[in-house]
Every structure is written in structure tokens, then in C-alpha cells.
Amino acid sequence: MSSNIRIKRICMYCGKEFIAKTTVTKYCSHKCNSRDYKRKIKELKIQASDKDTNKVIPQHIKHPKLNEKEILSIKEVCEFIGMSKSSVYRLIKDEVIKPLKIRNRVFISREELKKMLKF
């Protein structure tokens, strides 16, 4: 069963005018339909990535009090500068950072971090 309907439409992808045979046709060709579909999928992936990135960025500094503390534990240093524990310990071993040792605990002063990062 074919329809005698002929409607002038503008393609949603390329913007060219075409004659549609149904009232729901949006694209002038299968090629434009495929390209627009791929564009939409790409935008969705980018939005999902941006959403994930926005979730990760605030978690970088979980404790607002880290900015106020003068002496930080290894875990706090990791959160503050975004490094792993092993990297921080490697910096201590290589004498890039001088630690403060109290009994068997290791702390790092904010001044040492500033020297290392050269603020």
C-alpha cells in the first residue's frame, strides 16, 4: 500500500530540502540518518564523560580542612596533590620531601610540599 502524500521537508542533518513520502520522515537519505545517529551517540558519550569528570574533580579535595592544616599525614598528602602512597614514599626516599617522624608515624609539612611543588 503506497501513499500519494508528498511533503516538502528540510533534512535535520544536512539542511537540504527534499520531498518526503510520509509525515514522520526527518532525513533526506539513509546516509544523513546514519550520520546524525552517530553524532547523537558521540554527544551522549561526551556528556557521560563530562558527568564522570565532574564527579571526580570535587573528590580530589575531600576535606576542606586540608587547606588549613600545616602538617599532613601521608594519606592527606595523597589526597591533596593527587598521588599514590607509593609515589609519596618514593619522594621521601629520594629526599625530595623531608618528612616529620613522630614515633612510627610519618607527616609532611605544608612548607615541604610548597618547596616540592615550587609555589
PDB file of N, CA and C in Angstrom:
ATOM      1  N   MET A   1       0.821  -1.166   0.000  1.00  0.00           N
ATOM      2  CA  MET A   1       0.000   0.000   0.000  1.00  0.00           C
ATOM      3  C   MET A   1       0.875   1.243   0.000  1.00  0.00           C
ATOM      4  N   SER A   2       0.874   2.003  -1.027  1.00  0.00           N
ATOM      5  CA  SER A   2       1.695   3.194  -1.087  1.00  0.00           C
ATOM      6  C   SER A   2       0.833   4.436  -0.907  1.00  0.00           C
ATOM      7  N   SER A   3       1.476   5.471  -0.459  1.00  0.00           N
ATOM      8  CA  SER A   3       0.770   6.715  -0.182  1.00  0.00           C
ATOM      9  C   SER A   3       1.067   7.717  -1.282  1.00  0.00           C
ATOM     10  N   ASN A   4       0.123   8.570  -1.550  1.00  0.00           N
ATOM     11  CA  ASN A   4       0.318   9.617  -2.545  1.00  0.00           C
ATOM     12  C   ASN A   4       0.738  10.925  -1.889  1.00  0.00           C
ATOM     13  N   ILE A   5       1.080  10.875  -0.619  1.00  0.00           N
ATOM     14  CA  ILE A   5       1.479  12.079   0.097  1.00  0.00           C
ATOM     15  C   ILE A   5       2.876  12.489  -0.351  1.00  0.00           C
ATOM     16  N   ARG A   6       3.044  13.757  -0.621  1.00  0.00           N
ATOM     17  CA  ARG A   6       4.344  14.340  -0.958  1.00  0.00           C
ATOM     18  C   ARG A   6       4.454  15.643  -0.163  1.00  0.00           C
ATOM     19  N   ILE A   7       5.430  15.672   0.759  1.00  0.00           N
ATOM     20  CA  ILE A   7       5.595  16.831   1.626  1.00  0.00           C
ATOM     21  C   ILE A   7       7.013  17.360   1.475  1.00  0.00           C
ATOM     22  N   LYS A   8       7.127  18.682   1.355  1.00  0.00           N
ATOM     23  CA  LYS A   8       8.458  19.288   1.315  1.00  0.00           C
ATOM     24  C   LYS A   8       8.968  19.366   2.743  1.00  0.00           C
ATOM     25  N   ARG A   9      10.179  18.844   2.951  1.00  0.00           N
ATOM     26  CA  ARG A   9      10.807  18.841   4.268  1.00  0.00           C
ATOM     27  C   ARG A   9      12.241  19.333   4.133  1.00  0.00           C
ATOM     28  N   ILE A  10      12.824  19.661   5.279  1.00  0.00           N
ATOM     29  CA  ILE A  10      14.233  20.023   5.330  1.00  0.00           C
ATOM     30  C   ILE A  10      14.933  18.973   6.187  1.00  0.00           C
ATOM     31  N   CYS A  11      15.998  18.415   5.653  1.00  0.00           N
ATOM     32  CA  CYS A  11      16.759  17.360   6.338  1.00  0.00           C
ATOM     33  C   CYS A  11      17.320  17.895   7.654  1.00  0.00           C
ATOM     34  N   MET A  12      17.149  17.135   8.718  1.00  0.00           N
ATOM     35  CA  MET A  12      17.623  17.555  10.034  1.00  0.00           C
ATOM     36  C   MET A  12      19.142  17.476  10.163  1.00  0.00           C
ATOM     37  N   TYR A  13      19.811  16.780   9.252  1.00  0.00           N
ATOM     38  CA  TYR A  13      21.256  16.670   9.330  1.00  0.00           C
ATOM     39  C   TYR A  13      21.951  17.659   8.386  1.00  0.00           C
ATOM     40  N   CYS A  14      21.633  17.587   7.095  1.00  0.00           N
ATOM     41  CA  CYS A  14      22.361  18.407   6.129  1.00  0.00           C
ATOM     42  C   CYS A  14      21.666  19.726   5.801  1.00  0.00           C
ATOM     43  N   GLY A  15      20.383  19.858   6.123  1.00  0.00           N
ATOM     44  CA  GLY A  15      19.657  21.099   5.887  1.00  0.00           C
ATOM     45  C   GLY A  15      19.130  21.273   4.474  1.00  0.00           C
ATOM     46  N   LYS A  16      19.265  20.261   3.637  1.00  0.00           N
ATOM     47  CA  LYS A  16      18.765  20.354   2.261  1.00  0.00           C
ATOM     48  C   LYS A  16      17.265  20.091   2.228  1.00  0.00           C
ATOM     49  N   GLU A  17      16.623  20.673   1.274  1.00  0.00           N
ATOM     50  CA  GLU A  17      15.189  20.444   1.109  1.00  0.00           C
ATOM     51  C   GLU A  17      14.980  19.161   0.308  1.00  0.00           C
ATOM     52  N   PHE A  18      13.967  18.370   0.701  1.00  0.00           N
ATOM     53  CA  PHE A  18      13.658  17.131  -0.009  1.00  0.00           C
ATOM     54  C   PHE A  18      12.164  16.879   0.058  1.00  0.00           C
ATOM     55  N   ILE A  19      11.706  15.928  -0.722  1.00  0.00           N
ATOM     56  CA  ILE A  19      10.294  15.559  -0.747  1.00  0.00           C
ATOM     57  C   ILE A  19      10.133  14.273   0.059  1.00  0.00           C
ATOM     58  N   ALA A  20       9.318  14.356   1.114  1.00  0.00           N
ATOM     59  CA  ALA A  20       9.083  13.199   1.974  1.00  0.00           C
ATOM     60  C   ALA A  20       7.791  12.523   1.552  1.00  0.00           C
ATOM     61  N   LYS A  21       7.758  11.207   1.682  1.00  0.00           N
ATOM     62  CA  LYS A  21       6.569  10.435   1.324  1.00  0.00           C
ATOM     63  C   LYS A  21       5.727  10.089   2.547  1.00  0.00           C
ATOM     64  N   THR A  22       6.251  10.373   3.755  1.00  0.00           N
ATOM     65  CA  THR A  22       5.473  10.160   4.977  1.00  0.00           C
ATOM     66  C   THR A  22       5.577  11.421   5.837  1.00  0.00           C
ATOM     67  N   THR A  23       4.738  11.512   6.825  1.00  0.00           N
ATOM     68  CA  THR A  23       4.713  12.710   7.671  1.00  0.00           C
ATOM     69  C   THR A  23       5.776  12.679   8.769  1.00  0.00           C
ATOM     70  N   VAL A  24       6.428  11.563   8.966  1.00  0.00           N
ATOM     71  CA  VAL A  24       7.411  11.438  10.038  1.00  0.00           C
ATOM     72  C   VAL A  24       8.859  11.407   9.541  1.00  0.00           C
ATOM     73  N   THR A  25       9.080  11.519   8.255  1.00  0.00           N
ATOM     74  CA  THR A  25      10.426  11.476   7.694  1.00  0.00           C
ATOM     75  C   THR A  25      11.204  12.721   8.126  1.00  0.00           C
ATOM     76  N   LYS A  26      12.436  12.521   8.613  1.00  0.00           N
ATOM     77  CA  LYS A  26      13.245  13.626   9.108  1.00  0.00           C
ATOM     78  C   LYS A  26      14.505  13.864   8.282  1.00  0.00           C
ATOM     79  N   TYR A  27      14.941  12.854   7.540  1.00  0.00           N
ATOM     80  CA  TYR A  27      16.210  12.937   6.822  1.00  0.00           C
ATOM     81  C   TYR A  27      15.990  12.690   5.333  1.00  0.00           C
ATOM     82  N   CYS A  28      16.879  13.291   4.533  1.00  0.00           N
ATOM     83  CA  CYS A  28      16.749  13.158   3.085  1.00  0.00           C
ATOM     84  C   CYS A  28      17.231  11.809   2.581  1.00  0.00           C
ATOM     85  N   SER A  29      18.106  11.148   3.344  1.00  0.00           N
ATOM     86  CA  SER A  29      18.640   9.868   2.903  1.00  0.00           C
ATOM     87  C   SER A  29      19.056   9.025   4.111  1.00  0.00           C
ATOM     88  N   HIS A  30      19.334   7.770   3.829  1.00  0.00           N
ATOM     89  CA  HIS A  30      19.819   6.866   4.872  1.00  0.00           C
ATOM     90  C   HIS A  30      21.185   7.326   5.382  1.00  0.00           C
ATOM     91  N   LYS A  31      21.985   7.896   4.485  1.00  0.00           N
ATOM     92  CA  LYS A  31      23.315   8.384   4.842  1.00  0.00           C
ATOM     93  C   LYS A  31      23.224   9.503   5.898  1.00  0.00           C
ATOM     94  N   CYS A  32      22.321  10.461   5.697  1.00  0.00           N
ATOM     95  CA  CYS A  32      22.139  11.555   6.664  1.00  0.00           C
ATOM     96  C   CYS A  32      21.598  11.011   7.981  1.00  0.00           C
ATOM     97  N   ASN A  33      20.701  10.036   7.897  1.00  0.00           N
ATOM     98  CA  ASN A  33      20.143   9.421   9.102  1.00  0.00           C
ATOM     99  C   ASN A  33      21.257   8.762   9.915  1.00  0.00           C
ATOM    100  N   SER A  34      22.117   8.012   9.257  1.00  0.00           N
ATOM    101  CA  SER A  34      23.225   7.320   9.937  1.00  0.00           C
ATOM    102  C   SER A  34      24.213   8.309  10.541  1.00  0.00           C
ATOM    103  N   ARG A  35      24.540   9.351   9.812  1.00  0.00           N
ATOM    104  CA  ARG A  35      25.499  10.337  10.310  1.00  0.00           C
ATOM    105  C   ARG A  35      24.948  11.083  11.531  1.00  0.00           C
ATOM    106  N   ASP A  36      23.659  11.434  11.480  1.00  0.00           N
ATOM    107  CA  ASP A  36      23.066  12.124  12.621  1.00  0.00           C
ATOM    108  C   ASP A  36      22.984  11.205  13.834  1.00  0.00           C
ATOM    109  N   TYR A  37      22.690   9.935  13.616  1.00  0.00           N
ATOM    110  CA  TYR A  37      22.644   8.963  14.709  1.00  0.00           C
ATOM    111  C   TYR A  37      24.018   8.853  15.374  1.00  0.00           C
ATOM    112  N   LYS A  38      25.062   8.755  14.560  1.00  0.00           N
ATOM    113  CA  LYS A  38      26.424   8.660  15.098  1.00  0.00           C
ATOM    114  C   LYS A  38      26.801   9.932  15.858  1.00  0.00           C
ATOM    115  N   ARG A  39      26.370  11.097  15.348  1.00  0.00           N
ATOM    116  CA  ARG A  39      26.644  12.363  16.026  1.00  0.00           C
ATOM    117  C   ARG A  39      25.964  12.390  17.392  1.00  0.00           C
ATOM    118  N   LYS A  40      24.717  11.931  17.468  1.00  0.00           N
ATOM    119  CA  LYS A  40      23.983  11.902  18.735  1.00  0.00           C
ATOM    120  C   LYS A  40      24.643  10.962  19.733  1.00  0.00           C
ATOM    121  N   ILE A  41      25.080   9.791  19.277  1.00  0.00           N
ATOM    122  CA  ILE A  41      25.755   8.826  20.151  1.00  0.00           C
ATOM    123  C   ILE A  41      27.057   9.424  20.679  1.00  0.00           C
ATOM    124  N   LYS A  42      27.794  10.107  19.808  1.00  0.00           N
ATOM    125  CA  LYS A  42      29.054  10.734  20.222  1.00  0.00           C
ATOM    126  C   LYS A  42      28.793  11.799  21.284  1.00  0.00           C
ATOM    127  N   GLU A  43      27.751  12.617  21.103  1.00  0.00           N
ATOM    128  CA  GLU A  43      27.411  13.641  22.090  1.00  0.00           C
ATOM    129  C   GLU A  43      27.031  13.016  23.428  1.00  0.00           C
ATOM    130  N   LEU A  44      26.288  11.907  23.399  1.00  0.00           N
ATOM    131  CA  LEU A  44      25.910  11.226  24.636  1.00  0.00           C
ATOM    132  C   LEU A  44      27.139  10.705  25.381  1.00  0.00           C
ATOM    133  N   LYS A  45      28.095  10.160  24.629  1.00  0.00           N
ATOM    134  CA  LYS A  45      29.328   9.672  25.248  1.00  0.00           C
ATOM    135  C   LYS A  45      30.116  10.820  25.877  1.00  0.00           C
ATOM    136  N   ILE A  46      30.172  11.954  25.186  1.00  0.00           N
ATOM    137  CA  ILE A  46      30.890  13.114  25.708  1.00  0.00           C
ATOM    138  C   ILE A  46      30.209  13.630  26.967  1.00  0.00           C
ATOM    139  N   GLN A  47      28.878  13.686  26.964  1.00  0.00           N
ATOM    140  CA  GLN A  47      28.138  14.138  28.149  1.00  0.00           C
ATOM    141  C   GLN A  47      28.366  13.202  29.331  1.00  0.00           C
ATOM    142  N   ALA A  48      28.361  11.894  29.066  1.00  0.00           N
ATOM    143  CA  ALA A  48      28.608  10.920  30.136  1.00  0.00           C
ATOM    144  C   ALA A  48      30.016  11.089  30.689  1.00  0.00           C
ATOM    145  N   SER A  49      30.981  11.307  29.805  1.00  0.00           N
ATOM    146  CA  SER A  49      32.362  11.513  30.235  1.00  0.00           C
ATOM    147  C   SER A  49      32.480  12.787  31.067  1.00  0.00           C
ATOM    148  N   ASP A  50      31.830  13.863  30.632  1.00  0.00           N
ATOM    149  CA  ASP A  50      31.852  15.111  31.381  1.00  0.00           C
ATOM    150  C   ASP A  50      31.217  14.942  32.760  1.00  0.00           C
ATOM    151  N   LYS A  51      30.139  14.178  32.816  1.00  0.00           N
ATOM    152  CA  LYS A  51      29.460  13.939  34.092  1.00  0.00           C
ATOM    153  C   LYS A  51      30.385  13.175  35.039  1.00  0.00           C
ATOM    154  N   ASP A  52      31.087  12.150  34.507  1.00  0.00           N
ATOM    155  CA  ASP A  52      32.031  11.386  35.322  1.00  0.00           C
ATOM    156  C   ASP A  52      33.188  12.264  35.792  1.00  0.00           C
ATOM    157  N   THR A  53      33.673  13.114  34.904  1.00  0.00           N
ATOM    158  CA  THR A  53      34.768  14.008  35.250  1.00  0.00           C
ATOM    159  C   THR A  53      34.341  14.978  36.343  1.00  0.00           C
ATOM    160  N   ASN A  54      33.139  15.507  36.243  1.00  0.00           N
ATOM    161  CA  ASN A  54      32.647  16.436  37.261  1.00  0.00           C
ATOM    162  C   ASN A  54      32.467  15.749  38.603  1.00  0.00           C
ATOM    163  N   LYS A  55      32.209  14.445  38.608  1.00  0.00           N
ATOM    164  CA  LYS A  55      32.111  13.702  39.859  1.00  0.00           C
ATOM    165  C   LYS A  55      33.487  13.527  40.482  1.00  0.00           C
ATOM    166  N   VAL A  56      34.503  13.324  39.651  1.00  0.00           N
ATOM    167  CA  VAL A  56      35.846  13.043  40.140  1.00  0.00           C
ATOM    168  C   VAL A  56      36.529  14.318  40.641  1.00  0.00           C
ATOM    169  N   ILE A  57      36.347  15.421  39.977  1.00  0.00           N
ATOM    170  CA  ILE A  57      37.064  16.652  40.321  1.00  0.00           C
ATOM    171  C   ILE A  57      36.806  17.089  41.763  1.00  0.00           C
ATOM    172  N   PRO A  58      35.553  17.184  42.244  1.00  0.00           N
ATOM    173  CA  PRO A  58      35.368  17.603  43.632  1.00  0.00           C
ATOM    174  C   PRO A  58      35.922  16.610  44.642  1.00  0.00           C
ATOM    175  N   GLN A  59      36.048  15.343  44.280  1.00  0.00           N
ATOM    176  CA  GLN A  59      36.559  14.353  45.208  1.00  0.00           C
ATOM    177  C   GLN A  59      38.057  14.493  45.420  1.00  0.00           C
ATOM    178  N   HIS A  60      38.722  15.278  44.570  1.00  0.00           N
ATOM    179  CA  HIS A  60      40.160  15.443  44.687  1.00  0.00           C
ATOM    180  C   HIS A  60      40.526  16.029  46.048  1.00  0.00           C
ATOM    181  N   ILE A  61      39.774  17.005  46.481  1.00  0.00           N
ATOM    182  CA  ILE A  61      39.996  17.575  47.808  1.00  0.00           C
ATOM    183  C   ILE A  61      38.729  17.314  48.600  1.00  0.00           C
ATOM    184  N   LYS A  62      38.711  16.180  49.296  1.00  0.00           N
ATOM    185  CA  LYS A  62      37.530  15.754  50.031  1.00  0.00           C
ATOM    186  C   LYS A  62      37.342  16.566  51.304  1.00  0.00           C
ATOM    187  N   HIS A  63      38.452  16.918  51.939  1.00  0.00           N
ATOM    188  CA  HIS A  63      38.375  17.600  53.217  1.00  0.00           C
ATOM    189  C   HIS A  63      38.756  19.070  53.025  1.00  0.00           C
ATOM    190  N   PRO A  64      37.810  19.985  53.224  1.00  0.00           N
ATOM    191  CA  PRO A  64      38.175  21.392  53.071  1.00  0.00           C
ATOM    192  C   PRO A  64      39.189  21.849  54.114  1.00  0.00           C
ATOM    193  N   LYS A  65      39.305  21.111  55.219  1.00  0.00           N
ATOM    194  CA  LYS A  65      40.254  21.484  56.261  1.00  0.00           C
ATOM    195  C   LYS A  65      41.700  21.194  55.850  1.00  0.00           C
ATOM    196  N   LEU A  66      41.903  20.459  54.755  1.00  0.00           N
ATOM    197  CA  LEU A  66      43.264  20.188  54.289  1.00  0.00           C
ATOM    198  C   LEU A  66      43.980  21.486  53.933  1.00  0.00           C
ATOM    199  N   ASN A  67      43.221  22.460  53.475  1.00  0.00           N
ATOM    200  CA  ASN A  67      43.828  23.733  53.102  1.00  0.00           C
ATOM    201  C   ASN A  67      44.277  24.519  54.331  1.00  0.00           C
ATOM    202  N   GLU A  68      43.745  24.201  55.509  1.00  0.00           N
ATOM    203  CA  GLU A  68      44.073  24.921  56.730  1.00  0.00           C
ATOM    204  C   GLU A  68      45.207  24.258  57.511  1.00  0.00           C
ATOM    205  N   LYS A  69      45.391  22.955  57.362  1.00  0.00           N
ATOM    206  CA  LYS A  69      46.379  22.219  58.150  1.00  0.00           C
ATOM    207  C   LYS A  69      47.800  22.556  57.713  1.00  0.00           C
ATOM    208  N   GLU A  70      48.694  22.647  58.688  1.00  0.00           N
ATOM    209  CA  GLU A  70      50.109  22.889  58.399  1.00  0.00           C
ATOM    210  C   GLU A  70      50.892  21.592  58.257  1.00  0.00           C
ATOM    211  N   ILE A  71      50.457  20.548  58.963  1.00  0.00           N
ATOM    212  CA  ILE A  71      51.135  19.253  58.905  1.00  0.00           C
ATOM    213  C   ILE A  71      50.123  18.214  58.436  1.00  0.00           C
ATOM    214  N   LEU A  72      50.501  17.460  57.398  1.00  0.00           N
ATOM    215  CA  LEU A  72      49.591  16.492  56.785  1.00  0.00           C
ATOM    216  C   LEU A  72      50.127  15.080  56.912  1.00  0.00           C
ATOM    217  N   SER A  73      49.219  14.137  57.058  1.00  0.00           N
ATOM    218  CA  SER A  73      49.617  12.728  57.045  1.00  0.00           C
ATOM    219  C   SER A  73      49.854  12.308  55.598  1.00  0.00           C
ATOM    220  N   ILE A  74      50.400  11.130  55.412  1.00  0.00           N
ATOM    221  CA  ILE A  74      50.671  10.627  54.063  1.00  0.00           C
ATOM    222  C   ILE A  74      49.373  10.526  53.261  1.00  0.00           C
ATOM    223  N   LYS A  75      48.321  10.030  53.897  1.00  0.00           N
ATOM    224  CA  LYS A  75      47.034   9.891  53.222  1.00  0.00           C
ATOM    225  C   LYS A  75      46.500  11.255  52.787  1.00  0.00           C
ATOM    226  N   GLU A  76      46.632  12.251  53.638  1.00  0.00           N
ATOM    227  CA  GLU A  76      46.169  13.598  53.304  1.00  0.00           C
ATOM    228  C   GLU A  76      47.001  14.210  52.188  1.00  0.00           C
ATOM    229  N   VAL A  77      48.298  13.938  52.203  1.00  0.00           N
ATOM    230  CA  VAL A  77      49.166  14.425  51.129  1.00  0.00           C
ATOM    231  C   VAL A  77      48.737  13.806  49.800  1.00  0.00           C
ATOM    232  N   CYS A  78      48.403  12.519  49.830  1.00  0.00           N
ATOM    233  CA  CYS A  78      47.956  11.832  48.613  1.00  0.00           C
ATOM    234  C   CYS A  78      46.697  12.487  48.062  1.00  0.00           C
ATOM    235  N   GLU A  79      45.741  12.791  48.936  1.00  0.00           N
ATOM    236  CA  GLU A  79      44.505  13.438  48.506  1.00  0.00           C
ATOM    237  C   GLU A  79      44.775  14.854  48.010  1.00  0.00           C
ATOM    238  N   PHE A  80      45.668  15.554  48.696  1.00  0.00           N
ATOM    239  CA  PHE A  80      45.929  16.953  48.388  1.00  0.00           C
ATOM    240  C   PHE A  80      46.594  17.135  47.031  1.00  0.00           C
ATOM    241  N   ILE A  81      47.625  16.322  46.738  1.00  0.00           N
ATOM    242  CA  ILE A  81      48.344  16.505  45.475  1.00  0.00           C
ATOM    243  C   ILE A  81      47.982  15.473  44.423  1.00  0.00           C
ATOM    244  N   GLY A  82      47.123  14.503  44.777  1.00  0.00           N
ATOM    245  CA  GLY A  82      46.651  13.539  43.783  1.00  0.00           C
ATOM    246  C   GLY A  82      47.675  12.498  43.388  1.00  0.00           C
ATOM    247  N   MET A  83      48.455  12.024  44.341  1.00  0.00           N
ATOM    248  CA  MET A  83      49.451  10.976  44.081  1.00  0.00           C
ATOM    249  C   MET A  83      49.109   9.743  44.899  1.00  0.00           C
ATOM    250  N   SER A  84      49.704   8.640  44.527  1.00  0.00           N
ATOM    251  CA  SER A  84      49.522   7.419  45.296  1.00  0.00           C
ATOM    252  C   SER A  84      50.479   7.415  46.487  1.00  0.00           C
ATOM    253  N   LYS A  85      50.198   6.531  47.446  1.00  0.00           N
ATOM    254  CA  LYS A  85      51.060   6.428  48.627  1.00  0.00           C
ATOM    255  C   LYS A  85      52.482   6.054  48.240  1.00  0.00           C
ATOM    256  N   SER A  86      52.586   5.107  47.315  1.00  0.00           N
ATOM    257  CA  SER A  86      53.927   4.661  46.924  1.00  0.00           C
ATOM    258  C   SER A  86      54.728   5.807  46.294  1.00  0.00           C
ATOM    259  N   SER A  87      54.057   6.679  45.545  1.00  0.00           N
ATOM    260  CA  SER A  87      54.758   7.816  44.946  1.00  0.00           C
ATOM    261  C   SER A  87      55.236   8.786  46.012  1.00  0.00           C
ATOM    262  N   VAL A  88      54.405   9.026  47.021  1.00  0.00           N
ATOM    263  CA  VAL A  88      54.797   9.925  48.107  1.00  0.00           C
ATOM    264  C   VAL A  88      55.974   9.325  48.879  1.00  0.00           C
ATOM    265  N   TYR A  89      55.912   8.034  49.190  1.00  0.00           N
ATOM    266  CA  TYR A  89      57.023   7.382  49.889  1.00  0.00           C
ATOM    267  C   TYR A  89      58.294   7.397  49.040  1.00  0.00           C
ATOM    268  N   ARG A  90      58.146   7.283  47.721  1.00  0.00           N
ATOM    269  CA  ARG A  90      59.314   7.343  46.830  1.00  0.00           C
ATOM    270  C   ARG A  90      59.939   8.735  46.892  1.00  0.00           C
ATOM    271  N   LEU A  91      59.105   9.783  46.946  1.00  0.00           N
ATOM    272  CA  LEU A  91      59.630  11.144  47.068  1.00  0.00           C
ATOM    273  C   LEU A  91      60.385  11.323  48.388  1.00  0.00           C
ATOM    274  N   ILE A  92      59.873  10.698  49.444  1.00  0.00           N
ATOM    275  CA  ILE A  92      60.556  10.755  50.742  1.00  0.00           C
ATOM    276  C   ILE A  92      61.892  10.013  50.662  1.00  0.00           C
ATOM    277  N   LYS A  93      61.883   8.836  50.050  1.00  0.00           N
ATOM    278  CA  LYS A  93      63.101   8.027  49.931  1.00  0.00           C
ATOM    279  C   LYS A  93      64.161   8.756  49.098  1.00  0.00           C
ATOM    280  N   ASP A  94      63.714   9.423  48.022  1.00  0.00           N
ATOM    281  CA  ASP A  94      64.638  10.154  47.148  1.00  0.00           C
ATOM    282  C   ASP A  94      65.014  11.521  47.721  1.00  0.00           C
ATOM    283  N   GLU A  95      64.538  11.819  48.923  1.00  0.00           N
ATOM    284  CA  GLU A  95      64.824  13.055  49.643  1.00  0.00           C
ATOM    285  C   GLU A  95      64.355  14.304  48.913  1.00  0.00           C
ATOM    286  N   VAL A  96      63.289  14.166  48.155  1.00  0.00           N
ATOM    287  CA  VAL A  96      62.648  15.320  47.534  1.00  0.00           C
ATOM    288  C   VAL A  96      61.806  16.030  48.595  1.00  0.00           C
ATOM    289  N   ILE A  97      61.224  15.246  49.484  1.00  0.00           N
ATOM    290  CA  ILE A  97      60.423  15.756  50.596  1.00  0.00           C
ATOM    291  C   ILE A  97      61.078  15.287  51.893  1.00  0.00           C
ATOM    292  N   LYS A  98      61.208  16.196  52.853  1.00  0.00           N
ATOM    293  CA  LYS A  98      61.727  15.821  54.171  1.00  0.00           C
ATOM    294  C   LYS A  98      60.541  15.561  55.091  1.00  0.00           C
ATOM    295  N   PRO A  99      60.432  14.348  55.609  1.00  0.00           N
ATOM    296  CA  PRO A  99      59.289  14.031  56.462  1.00  0.00           C
ATOM    297  C   PRO A  99      59.518  14.436  57.924  1.00  0.00           C
ATOM    298  N   LEU A 100      58.430  14.547  58.654  1.00  0.00           N
ATOM    299  CA  LEU A 100      58.482  14.714  60.104  1.00  0.00           C
ATOM    300  C   LEU A 100      58.066  13.378  60.685  1.00  0.00           C
ATOM    301  N   LYS A 101      58.952  12.764  61.456  1.00  0.00           N
ATOM    302  CA  LYS A 101      58.638  11.455  62.017  1.00  0.00           C
ATOM    303  C   LYS A 101      58.352  11.604  63.502  1.00  0.00           C
ATOM    304  N   ILE A 102      57.188  11.129  63.907  1.00  0.00           N
ATOM    305  CA  ILE A 102      56.806  11.115  65.316  1.00  0.00           C
ATOM    306  C   ILE A 102      56.514   9.664  65.653  1.00  0.00           C
ATOM    307  N   ARG A 103      57.422   9.091  66.467  1.00  0.00           N
ATOM    308  CA  ARG A 103      57.411   7.660  66.754  1.00  0.00           C
ATOM    309  C   ARG A 103      57.432   6.891  65.447  1.00  0.00           C
ATOM    310  N   ASN A 104      56.385   6.143  65.144  1.00  0.00           N
ATOM    311  CA  ASN A 104      56.404   5.370  63.893  1.00  0.00           C
ATOM    312  C   ASN A 104      55.472   5.967  62.835  1.00  0.00           C
ATOM    313  N   ARG A 105      55.017   7.214  63.050  1.00  0.00           N
ATOM    314  CA  ARG A 105      54.143   7.871  62.074  1.00  0.00           C
ATOM    315  C   ARG A 105      54.926   8.886  61.263  1.00  0.00           C
ATOM    316  N   VAL A 106      54.523   9.054  60.024  1.00  0.00           N
ATOM    317  CA  VAL A 106      55.219   9.969  59.127  1.00  0.00           C
ATOM    318  C   VAL A 106      54.263  11.092  58.730  1.00  0.00           C
ATOM    319  N   PHE A 107      54.717  12.328  58.855  1.00  0.00           N
ATOM    320  CA  PHE A 107      53.948  13.509  58.470  1.00  0.00           C
ATOM    321  C   PHE A 107      54.792  14.361  57.545  1.00  0.00           C
ATOM    322  N   ILE A 108      54.110  15.225  56.811  1.00  0.00           N
ATOM    323  CA  ILE A 108      54.814  16.139  55.910  1.00  0.00           C
ATOM    324  C   ILE A 108      54.247  17.527  56.135  1.00  0.00           C
ATOM    325  N   SER A 109      55.135  18.504  56.261  1.00  0.00           N
ATOM    326  CA  SER A 109      54.674  19.878  56.473  1.00  0.00           C
ATOM    327  C   SER A 109      54.245  20.495  55.141  1.00  0.00           C
ATOM    328  N   ARG A 110      53.372  21.463  55.243  1.00  0.00           N
ATOM    329  CA  ARG A 110      52.884  22.157  54.050  1.00  0.00           C
ATOM    330  C   ARG A 110      54.037  22.898  53.367  1.00  0.00           C
ATOM    331  N   GLU A 111      54.998  23.386  54.152  1.00  0.00           N
ATOM    332  CA  GLU A 111      56.156  24.082  53.589  1.00  0.00           C
ATOM    333  C   GLU A 111      56.959  23.166  52.672  1.00  0.00           C
ATOM    334  N   GLU A 112      57.120  21.901  53.075  1.00  0.00           N
ATOM    335  CA  GLU A 112      57.838  20.936  52.240  1.00  0.00           C
ATOM    336  C   GLU A 112      57.110  20.718  50.917  1.00  0.00           C
ATOM    337  N   LEU A 113      55.780  20.645  50.992  1.00  0.00           N
ATOM    338  CA  LEU A 113      55.002  20.474  49.756  1.00  0.00           C
ATOM    339  C   LEU A 113      55.155  21.683  48.850  1.00  0.00           C
ATOM    340  N   LYS A 114      55.153  22.869  49.452  1.00  0.00           N
ATOM    341  CA  LYS A 114      55.323  24.088  48.651  1.00  0.00           C
ATOM    342  C   LYS A 114      56.699  24.117  47.994  1.00  0.00           C
ATOM    343  N   LYS A 115      57.738  23.684  48.735  1.00  0.00           N
ATOM    344  CA  LYS A 115      59.076  23.627  48.150  1.00  0.00           C
ATOM    345  C   LYS A 115      59.114  22.646  46.986  1.00  0.00           C
ATOM    346  N   MET A 116      58.473  21.478  47.196  1.00  0.00           N
ATOM    347  CA  MET A 116      58.486  20.459  46.155  1.00  0.00           C
ATOM    348  C   MET A 116      57.731  20.947  44.923  1.00  0.00           C
ATOM    349  N   LEU A 117      56.563  21.549  45.131  1.00  0.00           N
ATOM    350  CA  LEU A 117      55.748  21.998  44.016  1.00  0.00           C
ATOM    351  C   LEU A 117      56.165  23.373  43.504  1.00  0.00           C
ATOM    352  N   LYS A 118      57.055  24.044  44.247  1.00  0.00           N
ATOM    353  CA  LYS A 118      57.612  25.356  43.887  1.00  0.00           C
ATOM    354  C   LYS A 118      56.518  26.378  43.624  1.00  0.00           C
ATOM    355  N   PHE A 119      55.705  26.608  44.643  1.00  0.00           N
ATOM    356  CA  PHE A 119      54.637  27.615  44.557  1.00  0.00           C
ATOM    357  C   PHE A 119      55.238  28.990  44.464  1.00  0.00           C
TER     358      PHE A 119
END
